[in-house]
Amino acid sequence: MKFKSRYLQTGLIAVLVLSGLTAAQPSVHAGWWEDYKNGVKSFTSLPEEVNELKQGYSNAMNQLDQAQTSIEAYREENARLAEQNQLLAQTIQQLQQSEAERAASARFWKTIVFSAIGLVVLWFVFTRLVRFGLRRR
């Protein structure tokens, strides 16, 4: 009896395992030929996709080259403008210095003219006071 029950248990376990394995597998598709054709089509379209990717890559590289050319042009323009800006700053500094010298010269001549006028007026007042003082005596 022991042998029968053992064989029976082993057989039941084997049936359960096999039925579980077969139940876990997906059922067979009826349209397997269509799946195969679609797979072949997608495989044959790969070179076209690769060509499209190559074309996109070459377009991107052309755009990058154009951008780098533009950047170089902007850098050259920037350097030229910086040099021009420096020359303008020097010109402005020279103009400010000449304006300061002109203002100092104008101040100097104003001082001389007003001093001369003041001396003439002072001389006139002094001579009048001396005459007035001499007449009073």
Protein backbone atom coordinates (compact mmCIF):
# COMPACT_ATOMS: atom_id res chain seq x y z
CA MET A 1 0.00 0.00 0.00
CA LYS A 2 2.74 2.29 0.70
CA PHE A 3 4.01 1.91 -2.84
CA LYS A 4 0.64 2.64 -4.35
CA SER A 5 0.11 5.77 -2.34
CA ARG A 6 3.59 6.95 -3.13
CA TYR A 7 3.11 6.40 -6.86
CA LEU A 8 -0.26 8.04 -6.64
CA GLN A 9 1.15 11.09 -4.85
CA THR A 10 4.03 11.39 -7.32
CA GLY A 11 1.65 11.06 -10.26
CA LEU A 12 -0.70 13.69 -8.86
CA ILE A 13 2.16 16.10 -8.27
CA ALA A 14 3.45 15.49 -11.81
CA VAL A 15 -0.01 16.11 -13.29
CA LEU A 16 -0.41 19.31 -11.28
CA VAL A 17 3.02 20.59 -12.31
CA LEU A 18 2.48 19.81 -15.99
CA SER A 19 -0.98 21.34 -16.00
CA GLY A 20 0.42 24.44 -14.32
CA LEU A 21 3.15 24.74 -16.90
CA THR A 22 0.81 24.37 -19.82
CA ALA A 23 -1.72 26.78 -18.32
CA ALA A 24 0.95 29.44 -17.77
CA GLN A 25 1.95 29.47 -21.46
CA PRO A 26 0.11 31.94 -23.66
CA SER A 27 -2.32 30.56 -26.16
CA VAL A 28 -1.26 30.30 -29.78
CA HIS A 29 -2.12 33.22 -32.00
CA ALA A 30 -4.17 32.52 -35.05
CA GLY A 31 -2.49 35.38 -36.98
CA TRP A 32 1.10 34.24 -36.57
CA TRP A 33 1.76 34.78 -40.27
CA GLU A 34 0.75 38.44 -39.93
CA ASP A 35 3.04 38.82 -36.92
CA TYR A 36 5.86 37.28 -38.91
CA LYS A 37 5.24 39.59 -41.88
CA ASN A 38 5.09 42.64 -39.59
CA GLY A 39 8.34 41.59 -37.96
CA VAL A 40 10.03 41.23 -41.35
CA LYS A 41 8.64 44.61 -42.44
CA SER A 42 9.93 46.32 -39.30
CA PHE A 43 13.31 44.63 -39.78
CA THR A 44 13.52 45.72 -43.43
CA SER A 45 12.52 49.30 -42.50
CA LEU A 46 15.46 49.60 -40.12
CA PRO A 47 17.89 50.85 -42.84
CA GLU A 48 15.43 53.63 -43.73
CA GLU A 49 15.23 54.64 -40.10
CA VAL A 50 19.02 54.55 -39.85
CA ASN A 51 19.23 56.78 -42.95
CA GLU A 52 16.73 59.19 -41.39
CA LEU A 53 18.79 59.28 -38.21
CA LYS A 54 21.95 59.92 -40.25
CA GLN A 55 20.22 62.73 -42.11
CA GLY A 56 19.01 64.25 -38.84
CA TYR A 57 22.52 63.98 -37.43
CA SER A 58 24.05 65.68 -40.47
CA ASN A 59 21.41 68.45 -40.27
CA ALA A 60 22.21 68.95 -36.59
CA MET A 61 25.93 69.07 -37.38
CA ASN A 62 25.33 71.66 -40.13
CA GLN A 63 23.31 73.77 -37.73
CA LEU A 64 26.06 73.43 -35.13
CA ASP A 65 28.68 74.54 -37.67
CA GLN A 66 26.54 77.54 -38.61
CA ALA A 67 26.10 78.43 -34.95
CA GLN A 68 29.85 78.18 -34.35
CA THR A 69 30.50 80.39 -37.39
CA SER A 70 28.00 82.91 -36.04
CA ILE A 71 29.64 82.79 -32.63
CA GLU A 72 33.05 83.46 -34.17
CA ALA A 73 31.62 86.39 -36.12
CA TYR A 74 30.07 87.78 -32.95
CA ARG A 75 33.34 87.37 -31.09
CA GLU A 76 35.23 89.25 -33.80
CA GLU A 77 32.60 91.97 -33.81
CA ASN A 78 32.74 92.13 -30.02
CA ALA A 79 36.54 92.48 -30.08
CA ARG A 80 36.30 95.23 -32.70
CA LEU A 81 33.65 97.06 -30.69
CA ALA A 82 35.70 96.70 -27.50
CA GLU A 83 38.69 98.29 -29.25
CA GLN A 84 36.49 101.05 -30.61
CA ASN A 85 35.03 101.56 -27.13
CA GLN A 86 38.52 101.88 -25.68
CA LEU A 87 39.45 104.49 -28.31
CA LEU A 88 36.27 106.41 -27.54
CA ALA A 89 37.02 106.27 -23.81
CA GLN A 90 40.50 107.70 -24.48
CA THR A 91 39.00 110.45 -26.66
CA ILE A 92 36.47 111.30 -23.96
CA GLN A 93 39.23 111.44 -21.35
CA GLN A 94 41.27 113.78 -23.55
CA LEU A 95 38.22 115.98 -24.14
CA GLN A 96 37.51 116.13 -20.41
CA GLN A 97 41.12 117.02 -19.71
CA SER A 98 41.11 119.78 -22.35
CA GLU A 99 37.78 121.06 -20.95
CA ALA A 100 39.29 121.16 -17.46
CA GLU A 101 42.34 123.04 -18.80
CA ARG A 102 40.05 125.51 -20.65
CA ALA A 103 37.99 126.07 -17.49
CA ALA A 104 41.18 126.67 -15.46
CA SER A 105 42.45 129.11 -18.08
CA ALA A 106 39.10 130.95 -18.10
CA ARG A 107 39.16 131.16 -14.30
CA PHE A 108 42.70 132.53 -14.42
CA TRP A 109 41.80 135.24 -16.95
CA LYS A 110 38.63 136.16 -15.04
CA THR A 111 40.71 136.56 -11.90
CA ILE A 112 43.22 138.81 -13.71
CA VAL A 113 40.50 140.96 -15.34
CA PHE A 114 38.51 141.40 -12.12
CA SER A 115 41.71 142.09 -10.17
CA ALA A 116 42.71 144.75 -12.70
CA ILE A 117 39.24 146.34 -12.56
CA GLY A 118 39.34 146.18 -8.76
CA LEU A 119 42.79 147.83 -8.70
CA VAL A 120 41.60 150.63 -11.02
CA VAL A 121 38.49 151.22 -8.87
CA LEU A 122 40.59 151.05 -5.70
CA TRP A 123 43.08 153.53 -7.21
CA PHE A 124 40.23 155.85 -8.17
CA VAL A 125 38.70 155.68 -4.67
CA PHE A 126 42.10 156.10 -3.02
CA THR A 127 42.94 159.19 -5.09
CA ARG A 128 39.53 160.70 -4.33
CA LEU A 129 40.02 160.07 -0.61
CA VAL A 130 43.49 161.60 -0.72
CA ARG A 131 42.18 164.71 -2.55
CA PHE A 132 39.29 164.97 -0.14
CA GLY A 133 41.68 164.61 2.78
CA LEU A 134 44.04 167.24 1.39
CA ARG A 135 41.23 169.75 0.80
CA ARG A 136 40.02 169.40 4.34
CA ARG A 137 43.32 170.41 5.81
